[in-house]
Protein backbone atom coordinates (compact mmCIF):
# COMPACT_ATOMS: atom_id res chain seq x y z
CA MET A 1 3.36 -14.50 31.86
CA GLY A 2 5.34 -17.77 31.75
CA LYS A 3 8.37 -18.74 29.94
CA LEU A 4 8.70 -17.22 26.49
CA THR A 5 10.00 -19.19 23.46
CA PRO A 6 12.08 -17.16 21.20
CA LEU A 7 11.14 -17.54 17.59
CA ASN A 8 13.82 -19.35 15.43
CA LYS A 9 14.28 -22.55 13.38
CA GLU A 10 15.53 -24.57 16.37
CA ASN A 11 12.32 -23.79 18.50
CA LEU A 12 9.78 -24.55 15.74
CA ALA A 13 8.88 -28.02 16.91
CA GLU A 14 8.19 -26.33 20.58
CA ILE A 15 6.24 -23.59 19.10
CA GLY A 16 4.31 -25.82 16.78
CA ASN A 17 2.63 -27.34 20.08
CA GLN A 18 0.93 -23.79 20.15
CA ILE A 19 0.37 -22.62 16.72
CA PRO A 20 0.93 -24.05 13.13
CA VAL A 21 4.40 -23.82 11.86
CA PRO A 22 6.09 -24.28 8.44
CA THR A 23 6.15 -27.96 7.54
CA TYR A 24 8.50 -27.63 4.63
CA ASP A 25 12.12 -27.13 3.74
CA ARG A 26 13.50 -23.61 3.56
CA SER A 27 16.39 -22.95 1.34
CA PRO A 28 17.51 -19.55 0.49
CA ASP A 29 19.22 -21.16 -2.68
CA LYS A 30 15.83 -21.83 -4.13
CA ALA A 31 14.31 -18.23 -3.81
CA GLY A 32 12.66 -17.55 -7.22
CA ILE A 33 10.99 -14.34 -5.94
CA VAL A 34 13.07 -11.39 -4.75
CA HIS A 35 10.91 -8.69 -3.08
CA ILE A 36 11.81 -5.06 -2.51
CA GLY A 37 10.15 -3.38 0.37
CA VAL A 38 9.35 -6.04 3.30
CA GLY A 39 6.85 -4.22 5.04
CA GLY A 40 3.92 -5.58 6.99
CA PHE A 41 1.59 -5.64 4.02
CA HIS A 42 4.08 -7.75 2.08
CA ARG A 43 4.36 -10.15 4.92
CA ALA A 44 0.47 -10.29 5.09
CA HIS A 45 -0.18 -10.71 1.49
CA LEU A 46 2.42 -12.15 -1.23
CA ALA A 47 4.61 -13.79 1.32
CA TYR A 48 1.46 -15.47 3.04
CA TYR A 49 0.29 -16.57 -0.50
CA VAL A 50 3.62 -18.32 -1.12
CA HIS A 51 3.62 -20.02 2.29
CA GLN A 52 0.25 -21.34 1.60
CA LEU A 53 1.57 -23.04 -1.56
CA ARG A 54 4.56 -24.31 0.35
CA GLN A 55 2.41 -25.89 3.09
CA LEU A 56 0.58 -27.72 0.04
CA GLY A 57 3.93 -29.18 -0.76
CA GLU A 58 4.40 -26.88 -4.04
CA ALA A 59 6.35 -24.02 -5.24
CA SER A 60 9.62 -25.08 -3.72
CA GLU A 61 11.53 -22.84 -6.24
CA TRP A 62 9.48 -19.99 -5.40
CA GLU A 63 10.40 -18.83 -1.78
CA ILE A 64 11.29 -15.21 -1.25
CA CYS A 65 14.65 -13.28 -0.75
CA GLY A 66 13.69 -9.83 0.82
CA ILE A 67 15.64 -6.72 -0.11
CA GLY A 68 15.89 -3.43 1.97
CA LEU A 69 16.93 -0.33 0.22
CA ARG A 70 16.66 2.25 2.97
CA GLN A 71 18.51 2.44 6.24
CA ASN A 72 15.25 2.04 8.25
CA ASP A 73 15.01 -1.33 6.94
CA GLN A 74 18.04 -2.42 9.00
CA LYS A 75 15.94 -3.22 12.10
CA LEU A 76 13.87 -5.83 10.25
CA HIS A 77 17.07 -7.13 8.60
CA ASP A 78 18.53 -7.73 12.11
CA ILE A 79 15.73 -9.23 13.67
CA PHE A 80 15.04 -11.48 10.68
CA LYS A 81 18.55 -12.66 10.82
CA LYS A 82 18.05 -13.44 14.72
CA GLN A 83 14.77 -15.30 13.73
CA ASN A 84 16.05 -17.18 10.67
CA HIS A 85 13.50 -14.96 8.59
CA LEU A 86 10.56 -16.36 10.35
CA TYR A 87 7.66 -14.20 11.73
CA THR A 88 4.19 -14.64 13.10
CA LEU A 89 0.98 -13.70 11.30
CA MET A 90 -1.95 -12.86 13.59
CA VAL A 91 -5.38 -12.66 11.93
CA GLN A 92 -7.83 -10.69 13.94
CA HIS A 93 -11.34 -11.59 13.16
CA PRO A 94 -14.34 -9.23 13.90
CA ASP A 95 -15.97 -11.54 16.55
CA GLY A 96 -12.53 -11.50 18.61
CA LYS A 97 -11.37 -14.77 17.46
CA LYS A 98 -7.45 -14.79 16.81
CA GLU A 99 -5.33 -17.08 14.64
CA ALA A 100 -1.59 -17.12 14.75
CA GLU A 101 0.76 -18.92 12.44
CA VAL A 102 4.44 -18.87 11.83
CA ILE A 103 5.30 -17.94 8.25
CA GLY A 104 8.44 -19.28 6.60
CA SER A 105 8.27 -18.17 3.09
CA ILE A 106 10.97 -15.46 3.32
CA VAL A 107 14.08 -17.42 3.47
CA ASP A 108 16.83 -14.63 3.08
CA PHE A 109 17.03 -10.75 3.45
CA LYS A 110 19.90 -8.39 1.99
CA MET A 111 20.46 -4.67 2.70
CA GLY A 112 21.21 -2.81 -0.57
CA THR A 113 22.59 -0.17 1.55
CA ASP A 114 25.24 -2.34 2.95
CA ASP A 115 26.16 -4.32 -0.16
CA PRO A 116 24.65 -3.30 -3.40
CA GLU A 117 26.81 -6.05 -5.28
CA ALA A 118 25.20 -8.86 -3.32
CA VAL A 119 21.73 -7.60 -4.12
CA ILE A 120 22.58 -7.19 -7.97
CA THR A 121 23.99 -10.64 -7.83
CA ARG A 122 20.79 -11.99 -6.11
CA MET A 123 18.55 -10.32 -8.58
CA ALA A 124 20.55 -11.55 -11.65
CA ALA A 125 20.93 -15.03 -10.44
CA PRO A 126 19.10 -17.68 -12.73
CA GLU A 127 17.03 -18.77 -9.84
CA THR A 128 15.28 -15.45 -9.84
CA LYS A 129 12.34 -15.38 -11.90
CA ILE A 130 10.23 -12.61 -10.42
CA VAL A 131 11.26 -9.23 -8.78
CA SER A 132 8.13 -8.01 -6.80
CA LEU A 133 7.73 -4.52 -5.27
CA THR A 134 5.96 -2.88 -2.27
CA ILE A 135 7.61 0.56 -2.24
CA THR A 136 4.67 2.91 -1.63
CA GLU A 137 3.54 5.70 -3.98
CA GLY A 138 6.73 7.73 -3.18
CA GLY A 139 9.18 4.91 -4.44
CA TYR A 140 7.95 5.14 -7.94
CA ASN A 141 9.83 8.72 -8.40
CA PHE A 142 7.27 10.47 -10.62
CA ASN A 143 6.02 13.93 -10.73
CA PRO A 144 2.40 13.79 -9.58
CA ASN A 145 1.40 16.61 -11.77
CA THR A 146 3.00 15.70 -15.17
CA GLY A 147 3.15 11.82 -14.57
CA ALA A 148 6.90 12.09 -15.68
CA PHE A 149 9.85 10.36 -14.08
CA ASN A 150 11.68 12.73 -11.62
CA PHE A 151 15.32 12.92 -13.08
CA GLU A 152 15.95 15.75 -10.41
CA ASN A 153 16.09 13.17 -7.51
CA PRO A 154 19.75 13.41 -6.45
CA GLN A 155 19.99 9.62 -6.08
CA ILE A 156 18.80 9.09 -9.73
CA GLN A 157 21.28 11.56 -10.77
CA HIS A 158 24.03 9.50 -8.72
CA GLU A 159 22.93 6.35 -10.39
CA LEU A 160 22.97 7.61 -14.07
CA ALA A 161 26.55 8.60 -13.29
CA HIS A 162 27.51 5.57 -11.44
CA PRO A 163 25.45 2.52 -12.82
CA ASP A 164 27.46 0.01 -10.64
CA ASP A 165 26.62 1.89 -7.40
CA PRO A 166 22.71 1.70 -7.26
CA LYS A 167 20.67 3.57 -4.66
CA THR A 168 17.04 3.16 -5.90
CA VAL A 169 14.91 0.45 -7.30
CA TYR A 170 15.53 1.66 -10.69
CA GLY A 171 19.43 1.62 -10.35
CA PHE A 172 19.15 -2.19 -8.87
CA LEU A 173 16.56 -3.33 -11.56
CA THR A 174 18.61 -1.96 -14.45
CA ALA A 175 22.00 -3.24 -13.17
CA SER A 176 20.61 -6.74 -12.68
CA LEU A 177 18.74 -6.77 -15.89
CA LYS A 178 21.84 -5.82 -17.66
CA ARG A 179 23.88 -8.62 -16.08
CA ARG A 180 21.12 -11.12 -17.14
CA ARG A 181 20.97 -9.79 -20.53
CA ASP A 182 24.93 -9.98 -21.00
CA GLU A 183 24.93 -13.44 -19.53
CA GLY A 184 22.09 -14.63 -21.81
CA LEU A 185 19.76 -15.28 -19.09
CA PRO A 186 15.87 -14.69 -19.62
CA ALA A 187 14.29 -11.60 -17.88
CA PHE A 188 12.59 -11.75 -14.71
CA THR A 189 9.11 -10.35 -14.24
CA VAL A 190 8.70 -6.94 -12.34
CA LEU A 191 5.48 -7.44 -10.24
CA SER A 192 4.11 -4.33 -8.56
CA CYS A 193 2.11 -4.98 -5.47
CA ASP A 194 1.61 -1.48 -4.71
CA ASN A 195 -1.79 0.63 -4.19
CA ILE A 196 -1.29 2.77 -7.56
CA GLU A 197 -3.82 2.49 -10.46
CA HIS A 198 -2.12 0.54 -13.33
CA ASN A 199 0.90 -0.31 -11.06
CA GLY A 200 2.45 -2.61 -13.65
CA ASN A 201 2.07 0.06 -16.33
CA MET A 202 3.49 2.73 -13.95
CA ILE A 203 6.80 0.80 -12.93
CA GLN A 204 7.27 -0.22 -16.65
CA LYS A 205 7.05 3.50 -17.73
CA MET A 206 9.25 4.86 -14.81
CA LEU A 207 11.79 2.04 -15.42
CA LEU A 208 12.15 2.58 -19.13
CA ALA A 209 12.33 6.28 -18.65
CA PHE A 210 15.38 5.65 -16.29
CA ALA A 211 16.94 2.96 -18.38
CA LYS A 212 16.69 5.06 -21.64
CA ALA A 213 18.64 7.79 -19.94
CA GLN A 214 21.28 5.43 -18.58
CA ASP A 215 21.53 2.86 -21.33
CA PRO A 216 19.20 3.15 -24.23
CA THR A 217 20.19 -0.23 -25.63
CA LEU A 218 19.22 -2.14 -22.45
CA ALA A 219 16.02 -0.02 -22.29
CA GLN A 220 15.16 -1.54 -25.74
CA TRP A 221 15.94 -5.16 -24.26
CA ILE A 222 13.88 -4.42 -21.26
CA GLU A 223 10.86 -3.18 -23.33
CA LYS A 224 10.97 -6.24 -25.33
CA GLU A 225 11.73 -8.97 -22.68
CA VAL A 226 10.44 -7.85 -19.30
CA SER A 227 6.86 -8.53 -18.22
CA PHE A 228 5.11 -5.98 -15.80
CA PRO A 229 1.74 -7.27 -14.87
CA ASN A 230 -0.90 -5.15 -13.20
CA SER A 231 -2.10 -6.24 -10.08
CA MET A 232 -4.85 -5.33 -7.38
CA VAL A 233 -3.86 -6.19 -3.80
CA ASP A 234 -5.92 -6.07 -0.70
CA ARG A 235 -5.49 -6.84 3.08
CA ILE A 236 -5.83 -4.32 5.87
CA THR A 237 -2.65 -4.67 7.77
CA PRO A 238 -1.93 -2.02 10.54
CA VAL A 239 1.45 -1.17 11.65
CA THR A 240 2.68 -3.46 14.28
CA THR A 241 2.43 -2.22 17.99
CA GLN A 242 3.97 -3.25 21.26
CA GLU A 243 0.66 -4.43 22.24
CA ASP A 244 0.70 -6.98 19.39
CA ILE A 245 4.11 -8.28 20.27
CA LYS A 246 2.90 -8.67 23.99
CA LEU A 247 -0.48 -10.27 22.86
CA LEU A 248 1.36 -12.88 21.05
CA ALA A 249 3.60 -13.47 24.03
CA GLU A 250 0.92 -13.73 26.66
CA THR A 251 -1.65 -15.79 24.23
CA TYR A 252 0.76 -18.30 22.82
CA GLY A 253 4.30 -17.99 24.77
CA VAL A 254 6.08 -16.93 21.66
CA GLU A 255 8.64 -14.24 21.44
CA ASP A 256 8.53 -12.61 18.14
CA GLU A 257 10.21 -9.11 17.85
CA TRP A 258 8.25 -8.17 14.67
CA PRO A 259 5.04 -10.05 14.10
CA VAL A 260 2.20 -8.92 11.61
CA THR A 261 -1.35 -8.27 12.42
CA CYS A 262 -4.24 -8.22 9.60
CA GLU A 263 -7.78 -8.85 9.00
CA PRO A 264 -9.05 -12.10 7.74
CA PHE A 265 -9.92 -10.81 4.27
CA ILE A 266 -7.44 -11.20 1.52
CA GLN A 267 -7.63 -10.58 -2.20
CA TRP A 268 -5.20 -10.40 -5.06
CA VAL A 269 -6.40 -9.92 -8.80
CA VAL A 270 -3.39 -10.33 -11.24
CA GLU A 271 -3.01 -9.99 -14.97
CA ASP A 272 -1.54 -13.35 -16.31
CA ASN A 273 1.38 -12.00 -18.00
CA PHE A 274 4.94 -13.37 -16.71
CA SER A 275 8.18 -13.36 -18.44
CA ASN A 276 9.78 -16.30 -16.76
CA GLY A 277 6.87 -18.41 -15.16
CA ARG A 278 5.11 -18.04 -11.85
CA PRO A 279 3.93 -19.87 -9.00
CA SER A 280 0.38 -21.49 -9.37
CA PHE A 281 -1.14 -18.93 -7.00
CA GLU A 282 -4.60 -19.84 -8.28
CA LYS A 283 -4.62 -22.84 -5.94
CA VAL A 284 -4.66 -20.60 -3.12
CA GLY A 285 -7.34 -18.07 -4.04
CA VAL A 286 -5.50 -15.55 -6.50
CA GLN A 287 -7.59 -14.47 -9.22
CA PHE A 288 -5.58 -14.21 -12.61
CA VAL A 289 -7.58 -12.19 -15.18
CA PRO A 290 -6.77 -10.51 -18.84
CA ASP A 291 -7.38 -6.92 -17.60
CA VAL A 292 -7.20 -5.89 -13.83
CA VAL A 293 -8.21 -2.30 -14.37
CA PRO A 294 -11.95 -2.45 -13.42
CA TYR A 295 -10.89 -4.27 -10.12
CA GLU A 296 -8.24 -1.93 -9.34
CA LYS A 297 -10.72 1.01 -9.82
CA MET A 298 -13.14 -0.67 -7.51
CA LYS A 299 -10.82 -1.00 -4.62
CA LEU A 300 -9.26 2.32 -5.08
CA ARG A 301 -12.42 4.23 -5.25
CA LEU A 302 -14.23 2.40 -2.48
CA LEU A 303 -11.78 0.81 0.07
CA ASN A 304 -8.84 3.23 -0.29
CA ALA A 305 -11.11 6.28 -0.69
CA GLY A 306 -13.62 5.00 2.08
CA HIS A 307 -10.36 5.11 4.42
CA SER A 308 -9.69 8.57 3.62
CA VAL A 309 -13.28 9.71 4.04
CA LEU A 310 -13.53 8.19 7.42
CA GLY A 311 -9.72 9.17 8.28
CA LEU A 312 -9.89 12.91 7.50
CA LEU A 313 -13.50 13.38 8.87
CA GLY A 314 -12.82 11.14 11.89
CA VAL A 315 -9.40 12.75 12.88
CA LEU A 316 -11.13 16.11 13.13
CA HIS A 317 -13.78 14.93 15.13
CA GLY A 318 -11.60 13.13 17.51
CA HIS A 319 -12.12 9.61 16.69
CA PRO A 320 -8.88 7.59 17.30
CA THR A 321 -9.08 4.58 14.77
CA ILE A 322 -11.02 3.50 11.86
CA ASP A 323 -13.20 0.78 13.62
CA VAL A 324 -14.21 3.49 16.02
CA CYS A 325 -15.35 5.84 13.17
CA VAL A 326 -17.54 2.85 11.70
CA GLN A 327 -19.05 2.09 15.05
CA ASP A 328 -20.37 5.83 15.15
CA GLU A 329 -23.50 5.27 13.18
CA LEU A 330 -23.55 8.68 11.57
CA PHE A 331 -20.00 8.04 10.07
CA ALA A 332 -21.17 4.64 8.82
CA GLN A 333 -24.31 6.15 7.04
CA TYR A 334 -22.00 8.82 5.54
CA LEU A 335 -19.56 6.44 4.11
CA ARG A 336 -22.32 4.27 2.72
CA ALA A 337 -23.90 7.20 1.17
CA PHE A 338 -20.70 8.32 -0.41
CA PHE A 339 -20.03 4.71 -1.84
CA ASP A 340 -23.71 4.38 -3.14
CA GLU A 341 -24.24 8.03 -4.65
CA GLU A 342 -20.64 9.13 -5.60
CA ALA A 343 -18.28 6.08 -6.04
CA THR A 344 -20.49 3.47 -7.42
CA PRO A 345 -21.79 5.43 -10.40
CA VAL A 346 -18.33 6.07 -11.83
CA LEU A 347 -17.30 2.20 -11.46
CA GLY A 348 -19.46 0.45 -14.03
CA GLU A 349 -19.90 -3.41 -14.12
CA ILE A 350 -17.11 -5.52 -12.66
CA LYS A 351 -17.20 -9.27 -13.80
CA GLY A 352 -17.62 -11.75 -10.97
CA ILE A 353 -18.15 -8.92 -8.35
CA ASN A 354 -21.49 -8.01 -6.55
CA LEU A 355 -20.83 -4.32 -5.61
CA ALA A 356 -23.46 -4.43 -2.85
CA ASP A 357 -22.06 -7.29 -1.18
CA TYR A 358 -18.47 -5.74 -1.58
CA LYS A 359 -19.58 -2.28 0.06
CA ASP A 360 -21.19 -4.42 2.81
CA SER A 361 -18.08 -6.24 3.36
CA LEU A 362 -16.01 -2.97 3.54
CA LEU A 363 -18.16 -1.62 6.36
CA GLU A 364 -17.71 -5.02 8.29
CA ARG A 365 -14.03 -4.84 7.68
CA PHE A 366 -13.54 -1.23 8.61
CA GLY A 367 -15.75 -1.96 11.54
CA ASN A 368 -13.50 -4.86 12.85
CA PRO A 369 -12.84 -3.77 16.56
CA ASN A 370 -9.74 -6.00 16.68
CA ILE A 371 -7.97 -4.05 13.75
CA LYS A 372 -6.94 -0.88 15.50
CA ASP A 373 -6.03 1.19 12.32
CA SER A 374 -5.23 4.67 13.38
CA VAL A 375 -6.71 7.59 11.72
CA ASP A 376 -3.28 9.29 11.99
CA ARG A 377 -1.94 6.52 9.73
CA ILE A 378 -4.75 6.51 7.05
CA CYS A 379 -4.40 10.30 6.82
CA SER A 380 -0.59 10.09 6.34
CA GLU A 381 0.53 10.92 2.74
CA SER A 382 -2.94 12.18 1.73
CA SER A 383 -1.39 14.39 -1.11
CA ALA A 384 -0.21 11.08 -2.69
CA LYS A 385 -3.29 9.15 -2.16
CA LEU A 386 -6.37 11.58 -2.66
CA PRO A 387 -5.62 12.48 -6.35
CA LYS A 388 -5.98 8.81 -7.06
CA PHE A 389 -8.68 7.76 -4.58
CA LEU A 390 -11.09 10.70 -4.15
CA ILE A 391 -10.18 13.64 -6.35
CA ALA A 392 -10.62 11.37 -9.65
CA THR A 393 -13.96 10.46 -8.46
CA ILE A 394 -15.07 14.05 -8.14
CA GLN A 395 -13.63 14.73 -11.60
CA GLU A 396 -15.63 11.92 -13.14
CA ASN A 397 -18.87 12.89 -11.35
CA LEU A 398 -18.49 16.55 -12.41
CA ALA A 399 -18.29 15.47 -16.03
CA ALA A 400 -21.34 13.12 -15.57
CA GLY A 401 -23.32 15.50 -13.56
CA GLY A 402 -23.36 13.35 -10.57
CA SER A 403 -23.12 14.05 -6.80
CA ILE A 404 -19.90 15.64 -5.34
CA LYS A 405 -21.21 16.72 -1.99
CA TYR A 406 -19.90 13.85 0.36
CA ALA A 407 -16.26 13.93 -1.03
CA THR A 408 -16.22 17.73 -1.18
CA LEU A 409 -16.56 18.02 2.46
CA VAL A 410 -13.60 15.56 2.80
CA LEU A 411 -11.48 18.10 0.85
CA VAL A 412 -12.90 20.78 3.14
CA ALA A 413 -11.82 18.63 6.34
CA TRP A 414 -8.35 18.09 4.50
CA CYS A 415 -7.84 21.85 4.22
CA TYR A 416 -8.63 22.51 7.91
CA TYR A 417 -6.68 19.63 8.92
CA SER A 418 -3.38 20.92 6.89
CA ASP A 419 -4.02 24.41 7.98
CA LYS A 420 -4.75 24.08 11.87
CA GLN A 421 -3.20 20.81 12.42
CA GLU A 422 -5.50 20.34 15.28
CA ASN A 423 -8.81 18.58 15.82
CA GLN A 424 -12.20 20.22 16.60
CA ASN A 425 -11.36 19.89 20.25
CA GLY A 426 -8.08 21.75 19.85
CA GLN A 427 -5.90 18.67 20.12
CA LYS A 428 -2.78 18.78 18.17
CA LEU A 429 -2.48 16.23 15.13
CA VAL A 430 0.48 14.17 14.12
CA ILE A 431 0.72 15.01 10.24
CA GLN A 432 3.05 12.82 8.02
CA ASP A 433 3.14 13.99 4.47
CA GLU A 434 5.81 14.62 1.87
CA MET A 435 4.04 17.96 1.07
CA LYS A 436 3.22 18.84 4.62
CA GLU A 437 4.74 22.30 4.49
CA GLU A 438 3.09 23.18 0.96
CA LEU A 439 -0.17 21.72 2.01
CA HIS A 440 0.18 23.98 5.30
CA GLN A 441 1.11 27.28 3.35
CA ALA A 442 -1.61 26.89 0.93
CA ALA A 443 -4.37 26.03 3.51
CA LYS A 444 -3.64 28.86 5.93
CA LYS A 445 -4.57 31.49 3.21
CA THR A 446 -8.07 29.99 3.19
CA THR A 447 -9.53 32.78 5.47
CA GLU A 448 -8.25 35.40 2.88
CA ASP A 449 -9.02 33.18 -0.32
CA ALA A 450 -11.52 30.28 0.05
CA LEU A 451 -10.03 28.51 -2.91
CA SER A 452 -6.48 28.91 -1.93
CA PHE A 453 -5.97 25.08 -0.91
CA ILE A 454 -7.56 23.78 -4.22
CA LYS A 455 -5.13 25.93 -6.33
CA GLN A 456 -2.36 23.42 -5.98
CA GLU A 457 -2.59 22.00 -9.43
CA SER A 458 -0.17 18.95 -8.91
CA ILE A 459 -2.92 17.70 -6.35
CA PHE A 460 -6.44 19.00 -7.50
CA GLY A 461 -5.64 19.25 -11.38
CA ASN A 462 -8.30 21.68 -12.95
CA LEU A 463 -10.85 21.58 -10.09
CA ILE A 464 -10.36 25.23 -9.65
CA ASP A 465 -11.85 26.00 -13.06
CA ASN A 466 -15.06 23.95 -12.47
CA LYS A 467 -17.72 26.46 -11.09
CA ARG A 468 -20.01 23.75 -9.73
CA PHE A 469 -17.09 22.55 -7.67
CA THR A 470 -15.70 25.91 -6.52
CA ASP A 471 -19.07 27.35 -5.42
CA LEU A 472 -19.96 24.14 -3.49
CA TYR A 473 -16.42 24.11 -2.00
CA THR A 474 -16.46 27.94 -1.17
CA GLU A 475 -19.68 27.65 0.65
CA MET A 476 -18.56 24.49 2.71
CA VAL A 477 -15.20 25.94 3.52
CA ASN A 478 -16.50 29.19 4.82
CA ARG A 479 -19.16 27.64 7.02
CA PHE A 480 -16.51 25.06 8.32
CA TYR A 481 -14.13 27.73 9.36
CA ASN A 482 -16.84 29.60 10.96
CA ASP A 483 -17.83 26.53 13.02
CA VAL A 484 -15.81 23.30 13.15
CA ALA A 485 -18.65 20.85 13.85
CA ILE A 486 -18.05 17.80 11.74
CA LYS A 487 -21.07 15.78 12.49
CA LYS A 488 -23.43 18.72 11.89
CA TYR A 489 -22.32 18.90 8.50
CA MET A 490 -22.36 15.38 7.77
CA GLN A 491 -25.85 14.99 8.96
CA GLU A 492 -27.04 17.90 6.81
CA LEU A 493 -25.47 16.25 3.74
CA LEU A 494 -27.35 12.89 4.31
């Protein structure tokens, strides 16, 4: 490996001899978007769209100030400070082609854990017109069983008692919106970019519940003045690895301590409902629609559910990554059967989308050998994902008399995964889930009570009351526990 060029603004001209770099002025004073949760997905999606607009010579007032609200955001904050908030986006194509580009749309990054007042001031500034979010399902702080705001969270209780010392997204949003109201400034738009159905409605409901408990008059103002557009986001973005950092260095001679790798596909469908203006994102391919729900449901029930189907079956079989699962012909056939026979019937018509083409594209994307998305990552936090992605499809098919066999086998696999915490070869699995212990306790009773796992109402709702489902699940789980042979059962169902 030759001499490496560290990524920073002083070296952009030199790096530009190897890969595209920002051609626009970058000013932290002009950041019209404040984004909470600057993970890899944000940097491959919203930040990339803003970068494209800036490269066109537009949206000079729409650059991004990132916000970290957790201690583990400190590492990225420190790297960004060293790299002048620049990072490299590496697009990995299925045919092996690689494209790298330096992204400059993030111009500042503030840590709420270090200086809450600086974050409130930035969000309350007249220049801020959109506060966007990628905070994962867990950041929305709702009870998955009731859908109600979780007031038992100790950080929420602290914020209600100490409004000037926010800890969560809700404390920061209310503090900054209160300041804007008191100073006569227009409200900003709150724009969720998370994989949650009706994500705009969800953040609106949760924020209003919190605000009503903290300051009822402010809640009234928020309800009247703040827009919460729903949006559907899509781009597969694996966690950055040391191999990615090494690949960038060896291929282009660029030293970037936290690049982002993603697939070429990108999609964003947004309801055109903004309080205080927005960038002209339609110029770079964003689709604005009056109602995002059909597109959102399509993506959650096909892409996200498809990931879980491959992930939970694949991890038990011993496949390491999603692309390896799809390259296994049986897994690819099984996934397509789930798409065609169980997911598609509950979707209906989606304007401007050819579902057959969309499903074809998913198989191609999942099979991209250069996007090494680990099955461990896909299986993480399944208790938050499966109720929205997969269990809802089972419930709708039960109501309509449709097929449930492919999805039911996935739930059986999840039970075994939660119980034994090893694959069919006896290898230990890395399980990450907020409900890991509850899942384990319920699953390990399966040999005594075949339905123990699905009695968790907060996850499975009333599935336990449906005889067609419980008969099939019981038959499958008894066979599965007697002989853990993933491929045999998959083959039988096809």
